[in-house]
Amino acid sequence: PWSVRRRPRPSPPTACPGTLPLRLRVGQQGRVLPGDANLINRNPARLAEDPTNESIGRIPGGGVFNVVGGPVCTNDIAWWLVEFEGVTGWTGEGGGTSYWVEPLP
């Protein structure tokens, strides 16, 4: 008899090049920092960089979300798969020198 060898799943990155240190983790909650809302996108990319992407929701400042997957690193942003009020999609952790979200204890 022969057996099927399963290919190991790649581990999610523990850092994203060009970003601030990752603070979110799958299985925890996060909160958008006061100020502008964070978009929830269909794909883990800025809307202008992916013509198939679209915004499917917004998390307002102070809004609490569940982290369900990620991160995916694209164009100096760590994208997390989140769930907020029944909408599941990708939101960025931060850019440049600023975080847009924070982990909750």
PDB file of N, CA and C in Angstrom:
ATOM      1  N   PRO A   1       0.824  -1.190   0.000  1.00  0.00           N
ATOM      2  CA  PRO A   1       0.000   0.000   0.000  1.00  0.00           C
ATOM      3  C   PRO A   1       0.868   1.255   0.000  1.00  0.00           C
ATOM      4  N   TRP A   2       0.354   2.275  -0.551  1.00  0.00           N
ATOM      5  CA  TRP A   2       1.053   3.557  -0.591  1.00  0.00           C
ATOM      6  C   TRP A   2       0.256   4.590   0.179  1.00  0.00           C
ATOM      7  N   SER A   3       0.910   5.640   0.570  1.00  0.00           N
ATOM      8  CA  SER A   3       0.234   6.681   1.334  1.00  0.00           C
ATOM      9  C   SER A   3       0.424   8.027   0.637  1.00  0.00           C
ATOM     10  N   VAL A   4      -0.497   8.901   0.896  1.00  0.00           N
ATOM     11  CA  VAL A   4      -0.428  10.251   0.343  1.00  0.00           C
ATOM     12  C   VAL A   4       0.346  11.120   1.319  1.00  0.00           C
ATOM     13  N   ARG A   5       1.355  11.784   0.810  1.00  0.00           N
ATOM     14  CA  ARG A   5       2.119  12.699   1.654  1.00  0.00           C
ATOM     15  C   ARG A   5       1.475  14.071   1.570  1.00  0.00           C
ATOM     16  N   ARG A   6       1.149  14.589   2.703  1.00  0.00           N
ATOM     17  CA  ARG A   6       0.555  15.923   2.745  1.00  0.00           C
ATOM     18  C   ARG A   6       1.650  16.971   2.780  1.00  0.00           C
ATOM     19  N   ARG A   7       1.472  17.952   1.953  1.00  0.00           N
ATOM     20  CA  ARG A   7       2.413  19.060   1.940  1.00  0.00           C
ATOM     21  C   ARG A   7       2.110  19.957   3.133  1.00  0.00           C
ATOM     22  N   PRO A   8       3.108  20.311   3.937  1.00  0.00           N
ATOM     23  CA  PRO A   8       2.829  21.170   5.101  1.00  0.00           C
ATOM     24  C   PRO A   8       2.337  22.536   4.648  1.00  0.00           C
ATOM     25  N   ARG A   9       1.381  23.062   5.412  1.00  0.00           N
ATOM     26  CA  ARG A   9       0.880  24.408   5.132  1.00  0.00           C
ATOM     27  C   ARG A   9       1.939  25.419   5.528  1.00  0.00           C
ATOM     28  N   PRO A  10       2.126  26.444   4.700  1.00  0.00           N
ATOM     29  CA  PRO A  10       3.094  27.464   5.107  1.00  0.00           C
ATOM     30  C   PRO A  10       2.586  28.212   6.340  1.00  0.00           C
ATOM     31  N   SER A  11       3.495  28.520   7.222  1.00  0.00           N
ATOM     32  CA  SER A  11       3.134  29.295   8.411  1.00  0.00           C
ATOM     33  C   SER A  11       2.892  30.734   8.015  1.00  0.00           C
ATOM     34  N   PRO A  12       1.948  31.412   8.691  1.00  0.00           N
ATOM     35  CA  PRO A  12       1.774  32.831   8.389  1.00  0.00           C
ATOM     36  C   PRO A  12       3.037  33.592   8.768  1.00  0.00           C
ATOM     37  N   PRO A  13       3.287  34.706   8.095  1.00  0.00           N
ATOM     38  CA  PRO A  13       4.495  35.468   8.422  1.00  0.00           C
ATOM     39  C   PRO A  13       4.424  36.023   9.843  1.00  0.00           C
ATOM     40  N   THR A  14       5.590  36.147  10.431  1.00  0.00           N
ATOM     41  CA  THR A  14       5.668  36.758  11.761  1.00  0.00           C
ATOM     42  C   THR A  14       6.080  38.222  11.659  1.00  0.00           C
ATOM     43  N   ALA A  15       6.399  38.647  10.446  1.00  0.00           N
ATOM     44  CA  ALA A  15       6.734  40.041  10.167  1.00  0.00           C
ATOM     45  C   ALA A  15       6.450  40.297   8.695  1.00  0.00           C
ATOM     46  N   CYS A  16       6.162  41.529   8.353  1.00  0.00           N
ATOM     47  CA  CYS A  16       5.959  41.917   6.966  1.00  0.00           C
ATOM     48  C   CYS A  16       7.004  42.960   6.605  1.00  0.00           C
ATOM     49  N   PRO A  17       7.746  42.750   5.520  1.00  0.00           N
ATOM     50  CA  PRO A  17       8.765  43.730   5.124  1.00  0.00           C
ATOM     51  C   PRO A  17       8.152  45.106   4.910  1.00  0.00           C
ATOM     52  N   GLY A  18       8.820  46.124   5.434  1.00  0.00           N
ATOM     53  CA  GLY A  18       8.389  47.501   5.240  1.00  0.00           C
ATOM     54  C   GLY A  18       7.267  47.950   6.154  1.00  0.00           C
ATOM     55  N   THR A  19       6.877  47.094   7.132  1.00  0.00           N
ATOM     56  CA  THR A  19       5.793  47.483   8.038  1.00  0.00           C
ATOM     57  C   THR A  19       6.307  47.600   9.463  1.00  0.00           C
ATOM     58  N   LEU A  20       5.464  48.171  10.291  1.00  0.00           N
ATOM     59  CA  LEU A  20       5.729  48.182  11.729  1.00  0.00           C
ATOM     60  C   LEU A  20       5.641  46.752  12.249  1.00  0.00           C
ATOM     61  N   PRO A  21       6.177  46.451  13.419  1.00  0.00           N
ATOM     62  CA  PRO A  21       6.046  45.099  13.972  1.00  0.00           C
ATOM     63  C   PRO A  21       4.573  44.695  14.091  1.00  0.00           C
ATOM     64  N   LEU A  22       4.288  43.442  13.750  1.00  0.00           N
ATOM     65  CA  LEU A  22       2.915  42.942  13.829  1.00  0.00           C
ATOM     66  C   LEU A  22       2.470  42.871  15.281  1.00  0.00           C
ATOM     67  N   ARG A  23       1.247  43.341  15.541  1.00  0.00           N
ATOM     68  CA  ARG A  23       0.713  43.288  16.898  1.00  0.00           C
ATOM     69  C   ARG A  23      -0.538  42.418  16.997  1.00  0.00           C
ATOM     70  N   LEU A  24      -1.259  42.267  15.895  1.00  0.00           N
ATOM     71  CA  LEU A  24      -2.468  41.443  15.914  1.00  0.00           C
ATOM     72  C   LEU A  24      -2.100  39.968  15.813  1.00  0.00           C
ATOM     73  N   ARG A  25      -3.015  39.108  16.223  1.00  0.00           N
ATOM     74  CA  ARG A  25      -2.853  37.654  16.134  1.00  0.00           C
ATOM     75  C   ARG A  25      -4.213  37.046  15.804  1.00  0.00           C
ATOM     76  N   VAL A  26      -4.201  35.973  15.045  1.00  0.00           N
ATOM     77  CA  VAL A  26      -5.437  35.252  14.742  1.00  0.00           C
ATOM     78  C   VAL A  26      -6.041  34.741  16.050  1.00  0.00           C
ATOM     79  N   GLY A  27      -7.343  34.885  16.189  1.00  0.00           N
ATOM     80  CA  GLY A  27      -8.043  34.413  17.370  1.00  0.00           C
ATOM     81  C   GLY A  27      -8.266  35.484  18.421  1.00  0.00           C
ATOM     82  N   GLN A  28      -7.730  36.679  18.211  1.00  0.00           N
ATOM     83  CA  GLN A  28      -7.933  37.748  19.180  1.00  0.00           C
ATOM     84  C   GLN A  28      -8.839  38.819  18.571  1.00  0.00           C
ATOM     85  N   GLN A  29      -9.166  39.802  19.387  1.00  0.00           N
ATOM     86  CA  GLN A  29      -9.924  40.939  18.909  1.00  0.00           C
ATOM     87  C   GLN A  29      -8.998  42.134  18.745  1.00  0.00           C
ATOM     88  N   GLY A  30      -9.381  43.013  17.840  1.00  0.00           N
ATOM     89  CA  GLY A  30      -8.669  44.260  17.647  1.00  0.00           C
ATOM     90  C   GLY A  30      -9.660  45.399  17.622  1.00  0.00           C
ATOM     91  N   ARG A  31      -9.126  46.611  17.662  1.00  0.00           N
ATOM     92  CA  ARG A  31      -9.968  47.805  17.653  1.00  0.00           C
ATOM     93  C   ARG A  31      -9.319  48.833  16.737  1.00  0.00           C
ATOM     94  N   VAL A  32     -10.135  49.490  15.913  1.00  0.00           N
ATOM     95  CA  VAL A  32      -9.645  50.582  15.082  1.00  0.00           C
ATOM     96  C   VAL A  32      -9.391  51.778  15.986  1.00  0.00           C
ATOM     97  N   LEU A  33      -8.242  52.400  15.823  1.00  0.00           N
ATOM     98  CA  LEU A  33      -7.891  53.560  16.637  1.00  0.00           C
ATOM     99  C   LEU A  33      -8.815  54.737  16.322  1.00  0.00           C
ATOM    100  N   PRO A  34      -8.990  55.659  17.263  1.00  0.00           N
ATOM    101  CA  PRO A  34      -9.866  56.809  17.023  1.00  0.00           C
ATOM    102  C   PRO A  34      -9.446  57.560  15.761  1.00  0.00           C
ATOM    103  N   GLY A  35     -10.441  58.041  15.045  1.00  0.00           N
ATOM    104  CA  GLY A  35     -10.179  58.770  13.799  1.00  0.00           C
ATOM    105  C   GLY A  35     -10.902  58.118  12.647  1.00  0.00           C
ATOM    106  N   ASP A  36     -10.219  58.036  11.521  1.00  0.00           N
ATOM    107  CA  ASP A  36     -10.822  57.495  10.307  1.00  0.00           C
ATOM    108  C   ASP A  36     -11.183  56.023  10.452  1.00  0.00           C
ATOM    109  N   ALA A  37     -12.199  55.631   9.707  1.00  0.00           N
ATOM    110  CA  ALA A  37     -12.599  54.221   9.656  1.00  0.00           C
ATOM    111  C   ALA A  37     -11.564  53.426   8.856  1.00  0.00           C
ATOM    112  N   ASN A  38     -11.451  52.133   9.157  1.00  0.00           N
ATOM    113  CA  ASN A  38     -10.635  51.222   8.361  1.00  0.00           C
ATOM    114  C   ASN A  38     -11.558  50.523   7.372  1.00  0.00           C
ATOM    115  N   LEU A  39     -11.153  50.479   6.113  1.00  0.00           N
ATOM    116  CA  LEU A  39     -11.928  49.757   5.117  1.00  0.00           C
ATOM    117  C   LEU A  39     -11.794  48.257   5.326  1.00  0.00           C
ATOM    118  N   ILE A  40     -12.829  47.533   4.978  1.00  0.00           N
ATOM    119  CA  ILE A  40     -12.764  46.076   4.861  1.00  0.00           C
ATOM    120  C   ILE A  40     -12.821  45.802   3.358  1.00  0.00           C
ATOM    121  N   ASN A  41     -11.768  45.200   2.825  1.00  0.00           N
ATOM    122  CA  ASN A  41     -11.666  44.931   1.391  1.00  0.00           C
ATOM    123  C   ASN A  41     -11.892  43.459   1.094  1.00  0.00           C
ATOM    124  N   ARG A  42     -12.341  43.186  -0.131  1.00  0.00           N
ATOM    125  CA  ARG A  42     -12.536  41.807  -0.571  1.00  0.00           C
ATOM    126  C   ARG A  42     -11.198  41.060  -0.646  1.00  0.00           C
ATOM    127  N   ASN A  43     -10.137  41.753  -1.099  1.00  0.00           N
ATOM    128  CA  ASN A  43      -8.806  41.157  -1.238  1.00  0.00           C
ATOM    129  C   ASN A  43      -7.812  41.901  -0.363  1.00  0.00           C
ATOM    130  N   PRO A  44      -6.705  41.246   0.032  1.00  0.00           N
ATOM    131  CA  PRO A  44      -5.708  41.911   0.878  1.00  0.00           C
ATOM    132  C   PRO A  44      -4.782  42.833   0.082  1.00  0.00           C
ATOM    133  N   ALA A  45      -5.316  43.964  -0.351  1.00  0.00           N
ATOM    134  CA  ALA A  45      -4.541  44.942  -1.122  1.00  0.00           C
ATOM    135  C   ALA A  45      -5.286  46.267  -1.117  1.00  0.00           C
ATOM    136  N   ARG A  46      -4.544  47.336  -1.358  1.00  0.00           N
ATOM    137  CA  ARG A  46      -5.173  48.652  -1.517  1.00  0.00           C
ATOM    138  C   ARG A  46      -6.061  48.603  -2.763  1.00  0.00           C
ATOM    139  N   LEU A  47      -7.164  49.313  -2.724  1.00  0.00           N
ATOM    140  CA  LEU A  47      -8.103  49.300  -3.844  1.00  0.00           C
ATOM    141  C   LEU A  47      -7.438  49.737  -5.148  1.00  0.00           C
ATOM    142  N   ALA A  48      -6.570  50.756  -5.083  1.00  0.00           N
ATOM    143  CA  ALA A  48      -5.921  51.274  -6.290  1.00  0.00           C
ATOM    144  C   ALA A  48      -4.910  50.290  -6.883  1.00  0.00           C
ATOM    145  N   GLU A  49      -4.462  49.298  -6.106  1.00  0.00           N
ATOM    146  CA  GLU A  49      -3.427  48.377  -6.572  1.00  0.00           C
ATOM    147  C   GLU A  49      -3.980  47.069  -7.117  1.00  0.00           C
ATOM    148  N   ASP A  50      -5.271  46.825  -6.978  1.00  0.00           N
ATOM    149  CA  ASP A  50      -5.879  45.576  -7.424  1.00  0.00           C
ATOM    150  C   ASP A  50      -7.214  45.899  -8.086  1.00  0.00           C
ATOM    151  N   PRO A  51      -7.276  45.840  -9.420  1.00  0.00           N
ATOM    152  CA  PRO A  51      -8.509  46.219 -10.108  1.00  0.00           C
ATOM    153  C   PRO A  51      -9.695  45.297  -9.804  1.00  0.00           C
ATOM    154  N   THR A  52      -9.450  44.105  -9.261  1.00  0.00           N
ATOM    155  CA  THR A  52     -10.555  43.199  -8.918  1.00  0.00           C
ATOM    156  C   THR A  52     -11.033  43.410  -7.484  1.00  0.00           C
ATOM    157  N   ASN A  53     -10.343  44.263  -6.751  1.00  0.00           N
ATOM    158  CA  ASN A  53     -10.663  44.473  -5.345  1.00  0.00           C
ATOM    159  C   ASN A  53     -11.820  45.454  -5.197  1.00  0.00           C
ATOM    160  N   GLU A  54     -12.511  45.359  -4.076  1.00  0.00           N
ATOM    161  CA  GLU A  54     -13.551  46.334  -3.755  1.00  0.00           C
ATOM    162  C   GLU A  54     -13.696  46.419  -2.243  1.00  0.00           C
ATOM    163  N   SER A  55     -14.156  47.564  -1.783  1.00  0.00           N
ATOM    164  CA  SER A  55     -14.444  47.751  -0.373  1.00  0.00           C
ATOM    165  C   SER A  55     -15.805  47.133  -0.083  1.00  0.00           C
ATOM    166  N   ILE A  56     -15.866  46.292   0.962  1.00  0.00           N
ATOM    167  CA  ILE A  56     -17.134  45.636   1.293  1.00  0.00           C
ATOM    168  C   ILE A  56     -17.658  46.071   2.658  1.00  0.00           C
ATOM    169  N   GLY A  57     -16.951  46.992   3.315  1.00  0.00           N
ATOM    170  CA  GLY A  57     -17.400  47.489   4.610  1.00  0.00           C
ATOM    171  C   GLY A  57     -16.409  48.459   5.205  1.00  0.00           C
ATOM    172  N   ARG A  58     -16.787  48.975   6.371  1.00  0.00           N
ATOM    173  CA  ARG A  58     -15.939  49.913   7.115  1.00  0.00           C
ATOM    174  C   ARG A  58     -16.043  49.575   8.591  1.00  0.00           C
ATOM    175  N   ILE A  59     -14.917  49.736   9.278  1.00  0.00           N
ATOM    176  CA  ILE A  59     -14.904  49.609  10.739  1.00  0.00           C
ATOM    177  C   ILE A  59     -14.632  51.009  11.271  1.00  0.00           C
ATOM    178  N   PRO A  60     -15.578  51.604  11.983  1.00  0.00           N
ATOM    179  CA  PRO A  60     -15.376  52.981  12.455  1.00  0.00           C
ATOM    180  C   PRO A  60     -14.318  53.052  13.551  1.00  0.00           C
ATOM    181  N   GLY A  61     -13.790  54.250  13.770  1.00  0.00           N
ATOM    182  CA  GLY A  61     -12.886  54.459  14.900  1.00  0.00           C
ATOM    183  C   GLY A  61     -13.522  53.945  16.176  1.00  0.00           C
ATOM    184  N   GLY A  62     -12.791  53.131  16.933  1.00  0.00           N
ATOM    185  CA  GLY A  62     -13.307  52.520  18.151  1.00  0.00           C
ATOM    186  C   GLY A  62     -14.019  51.203  17.921  1.00  0.00           C
ATOM    187  N   GLY A  63     -14.259  50.843  16.647  1.00  0.00           N
ATOM    188  CA  GLY A  63     -14.940  49.593  16.331  1.00  0.00           C
ATOM    189  C   GLY A  63     -14.084  48.383  16.670  1.00  0.00           C
ATOM    190  N   VAL A  64     -14.702  47.371  17.272  1.00  0.00           N
ATOM    191  CA  VAL A  64     -14.006  46.141  17.679  1.00  0.00           C
ATOM    192  C   VAL A  64     -14.324  45.044  16.670  1.00  0.00           C
ATOM    193  N   PHE A  65     -13.280  44.312  16.257  1.00  0.00           N
ATOM    194  CA  PHE A  65     -13.413  43.257  15.256  1.00  0.00           C
ATOM    195  C   PHE A  65     -12.695  41.999  15.726  1.00  0.00           C
ATOM    196  N   ASN A  66     -13.033  40.875  15.105  1.00  0.00           N
ATOM    197  CA  ASN A  66     -12.369  39.599  15.367  1.00  0.00           C
ATOM    198  C   ASN A  66     -11.351  39.333  14.268  1.00  0.00           C
ATOM    199  N   VAL A  67     -10.153  38.897  14.642  1.00  0.00           N
ATOM    200  CA  VAL A  67      -9.113  38.535  13.676  1.00  0.00           C
ATOM    201  C   VAL A  67      -9.265  37.040  13.390  1.00  0.00           C
ATOM    202  N   VAL A  68      -9.560  36.701  12.125  1.00  0.00           N
ATOM    203  CA  VAL A  68      -9.826  35.302  11.781  1.00  0.00           C
ATOM    204  C   VAL A  68      -8.779  34.699  10.853  1.00  0.00           C
ATOM    205  N   GLY A  69      -7.878  35.503  10.302  1.00  0.00           N
ATOM    206  CA  GLY A  69      -6.839  34.968   9.432  1.00  0.00           C
ATOM    207  C   GLY A  69      -5.785  36.006   9.141  1.00  0.00           C
ATOM    208  N   GLY A  70      -4.705  35.544   8.491  1.00  0.00           N
ATOM    209  CA  GLY A  70      -3.637  36.447   8.091  1.00  0.00           C
ATOM    210  C   GLY A  70      -2.394  36.260   8.942  1.00  0.00           C
ATOM    211  N   PRO A  71      -1.454  37.123   8.763  1.00  0.00           N
ATOM    212  CA  PRO A  71      -1.485  38.247   7.845  1.00  0.00           C
ATOM    213  C   PRO A  71      -1.039  37.860   6.436  1.00  0.00           C
ATOM    214  N   VAL A  72      -1.402  38.734   5.490  1.00  0.00           N
ATOM    215  CA  VAL A  72      -0.874  38.702   4.138  1.00  0.00           C
ATOM    216  C   VAL A  72      -0.129  40.014   3.965  1.00  0.00           C
ATOM    217  N   CYS A  73       1.103  39.935   3.478  1.00  0.00           N
ATOM    218  CA  CYS A  73       1.946  41.121   3.326  1.00  0.00           C
ATOM    219  C   CYS A  73       1.934  41.586   1.877  1.00  0.00           C
ATOM    220  N   THR A  74       1.428  42.791   1.620  1.00  0.00           N
ATOM    221  CA  THR A  74       1.494  43.362   0.278  1.00  0.00           C
ATOM    222  C   THR A  74       1.732  44.854   0.372  1.00  0.00           C
ATOM    223  N   ASN A  75       2.668  45.321  -0.435  1.00  0.00           N
ATOM    224  CA  ASN A  75       2.961  46.749  -0.564  1.00  0.00           C
ATOM    225  C   ASN A  75       3.082  47.466   0.775  1.00  0.00           C
ATOM    226  N   ASP A  76       3.906  46.909   1.650  1.00  0.00           N
ATOM    227  CA  ASP A  76       4.233  47.520   2.935  1.00  0.00           C
ATOM    228  C   ASP A  76       3.048  47.635   3.890  1.00  0.00           C
ATOM    229  N   ILE A  77       2.076  46.755   3.754  1.00  0.00           N
ATOM    230  CA  ILE A  77       0.941  46.699   4.673  1.00  0.00           C
ATOM    231  C   ILE A  77       0.715  45.247   5.068  1.00  0.00           C
ATOM    232  N   ALA A  78       0.484  45.020   6.353  1.00  0.00           N
ATOM    233  CA  ALA A  78       0.068  43.701   6.840  1.00  0.00           C
ATOM    234  C   ALA A  78      -1.460  43.692   6.841  1.00  0.00           C
ATOM    235  N   TRP A  79      -2.041  42.787   6.067  1.00  0.00           N
ATOM    236  CA  TRP A  79      -3.489  42.676   5.940  1.00  0.00           C
ATOM    237  C   TRP A  79      -3.984  41.509   6.774  1.00  0.00           C
ATOM    238  N   TRP A  80      -5.041  41.735   7.534  1.00  0.00           N
ATOM    239  CA  TRP A  80      -5.630  40.702   8.381  1.00  0.00           C
ATOM    240  C   TRP A  80      -7.050  40.424   7.923  1.00  0.00           C
ATOM    241  N   LEU A  81      -7.407  39.150   7.915  1.00  0.00           N
ATOM    242  CA  LEU A  81      -8.778  38.750   7.622  1.00  0.00           C
ATOM    243  C   LEU A  81      -9.567  38.946   8.905  1.00  0.00           C
ATOM    244  N   VAL A  82     -10.582  39.805   8.850  1.00  0.00           N
ATOM    245  CA  VAL A  82     -11.330  40.177  10.048  1.00  0.00           C
ATOM    246  C   VAL A  82     -12.821  39.973   9.816  1.00  0.00           C
ATOM    247  N   GLU A  83     -13.535  39.890  10.930  1.00  0.00           N
ATOM    248  CA  GLU A  83     -14.995  39.831  10.903  1.00  0.00           C
ATOM    249  C   GLU A  83     -15.501  40.988  11.745  1.00  0.00           C
ATOM    250  N   PHE A  84     -16.389  41.793  11.161  1.00  0.00           N
ATOM    251  CA  PHE A  84     -16.978  42.925  11.867  1.00  0.00           C
ATOM    252  C   PHE A  84     -18.447  43.020  11.479  1.00  0.00           C
ATOM    253  N   GLU A  85     -19.314  42.862  12.464  1.00  0.00           N
ATOM    254  CA  GLU A  85     -20.760  42.966  12.274  1.00  0.00           C
ATOM    255  C   GLU A  85     -21.245  42.167  11.071  1.00  0.00           C
ATOM    256  N   GLY A  86     -20.783  40.929  10.962  1.00  0.00           N
ATOM    257  CA  GLY A  86     -21.245  40.028   9.907  1.00  0.00           C
ATOM    258  C   GLY A  86     -20.523  40.143   8.579  1.00  0.00           C
ATOM    259  N   VAL A  87     -19.593  41.081   8.464  1.00  0.00           N
ATOM    260  CA  VAL A  87     -18.816  41.249   7.232  1.00  0.00           C
ATOM    261  C   VAL A  87     -17.418  40.688   7.471  1.00  0.00           C
ATOM    262  N   THR A  88     -16.970  39.811   6.568  1.00  0.00           N
ATOM    263  CA  THR A  88     -15.625  39.249   6.671  1.00  0.00           C
ATOM    264  C   THR A  88     -14.810  39.682   5.461  1.00  0.00           C
ATOM    265  N   GLY A  89     -13.655  40.277   5.725  1.00  0.00           N
ATOM    266  CA  GLY A  89     -12.773  40.738   4.660  1.00  0.00           C
ATOM    267  C   GLY A  89     -11.443  41.172   5.255  1.00  0.00           C
ATOM    268  N   TRP A  90     -10.660  41.874   4.468  1.00  0.00           N
ATOM    269  CA  TRP A  90      -9.278  42.215   4.822  1.00  0.00           C
ATOM    270  C   TRP A  90      -9.153  43.682   5.219  1.00  0.00           C
ATOM    271  N   THR A  91      -8.451  43.928   6.322  1.00  0.00           N
ATOM    272  CA  THR A  91      -8.175  45.298   6.752  1.00  0.00           C
ATOM    273  C   THR A  91      -6.696  45.422   7.108  1.00  0.00           C
ATOM    274  N   GLY A  92      -6.138  46.603   6.895  1.00  0.00           N
ATOM    275  CA  GLY A  92      -4.723  46.820   7.151  1.00  0.00           C
ATOM    276  C   GLY A  92      -4.441  47.159   8.606  1.00  0.00           C
ATOM    277  N   GLU A  93      -3.262  46.699   9.073  1.00  0.00           N
ATOM    278  CA  GLU A  93      -2.862  46.980  10.455  1.00  0.00           C
ATOM    279  C   GLU A  93      -2.282  48.380  10.600  1.00  0.00           C
ATOM    280  N   GLY A  94      -1.628  48.869   9.560  1.00  0.00           N
ATOM    281  CA  GLY A  94      -1.022  50.190   9.629  1.00  0.00           C
ATOM    282  C   GLY A  94      -0.179  50.441   8.401  1.00  0.00           C
ATOM    283  N   GLY A  95       0.392  51.630   8.327  1.00  0.00           N
ATOM    284  CA  GLY A  95       1.251  51.973   7.208  1.00  0.00           C
ATOM    285  C   GLY A  95       2.238  53.045   7.614  1.00  0.00           C
ATOM    286  N   GLY A  96       3.397  53.014   6.974  1.00  0.00           N
ATOM    287  CA  GLY A  96       4.428  53.996   7.303  1.00  0.00           C
ATOM    288  C   GLY A  96       4.858  53.854   8.754  1.00  0.00           C
ATOM    289  N   THR A  97       4.622  54.883   9.538  1.00  0.00           N
ATOM    290  CA  THR A  97       5.000  54.856  10.954  1.00  0.00           C
ATOM    291  C   THR A  97       3.783  54.870  11.876  1.00  0.00           C
ATOM    292  N   SER A  98       2.591  54.604  11.321  1.00  0.00           N
ATOM    293  CA  SER A  98       1.364  54.682  12.115  1.00  0.00           C
ATOM    294  C   SER A  98       0.566  53.382  12.077  1.00  0.00           C
ATOM    295  N   TYR A  99       0.141  52.956  13.257  1.00  0.00           N
ATOM    296  CA  TYR A  99      -0.819  51.861  13.329  1.00  0.00           C
ATOM    297  C   TYR A  99      -2.215  52.427  13.126  1.00  0.00           C
ATOM    298  N   TRP A 100      -3.091  51.649  12.476  1.00  0.00           N
ATOM    299  CA  TRP A 100      -4.490  52.030  12.297  1.00  0.00           C
ATOM    300  C   TRP A 100      -5.385  51.269  13.261  1.00  0.00           C
ATOM    301  N   VAL A 101      -4.862  50.165  13.796  1.00  0.00           N
ATOM    302  CA  VAL A 101      -5.618  49.314  14.707  1.00  0.00           C
ATOM    303  C   VAL A 101      -4.725  48.912  15.877  1.00  0.00           C
ATOM    304  N   GLU A 102      -5.361  48.409  16.936  1.00  0.00           N
ATOM    305  CA  GLU A 102      -4.598  47.914  18.078  1.00  0.00           C
ATOM    306  C   GLU A 102      -5.213  46.606  18.552  1.00  0.00           C
ATOM    307  N   PRO A 103      -4.392  45.732  19.130  1.00  0.00           N
ATOM    308  CA  PRO A 103      -4.951  44.497  19.703  1.00  0.00           C
ATOM    309  C   PRO A 103      -5.655  44.789  21.021  1.00  0.00           C
ATOM    310  N   LEU A 104      -6.687  44.024  21.309  1.00  0.00           N
ATOM    311  CA  LEU A 104      -7.318  44.105  22.622  1.00  0.00           C
ATOM    312  C   LEU A 104      -6.763  42.986  23.493  1.00  0.00           C
ATOM    313  N   PRO A 105      -6.625  43.244  24.796  1.00  0.00           N
ATOM    314  CA  PRO A 105      -6.073  42.197  25.678  1.00  0.00           C
ATOM    315  C   PRO A 105      -6.995  40.990  25.781  1.00  0.00           C
TER     316      PRO A 105
END
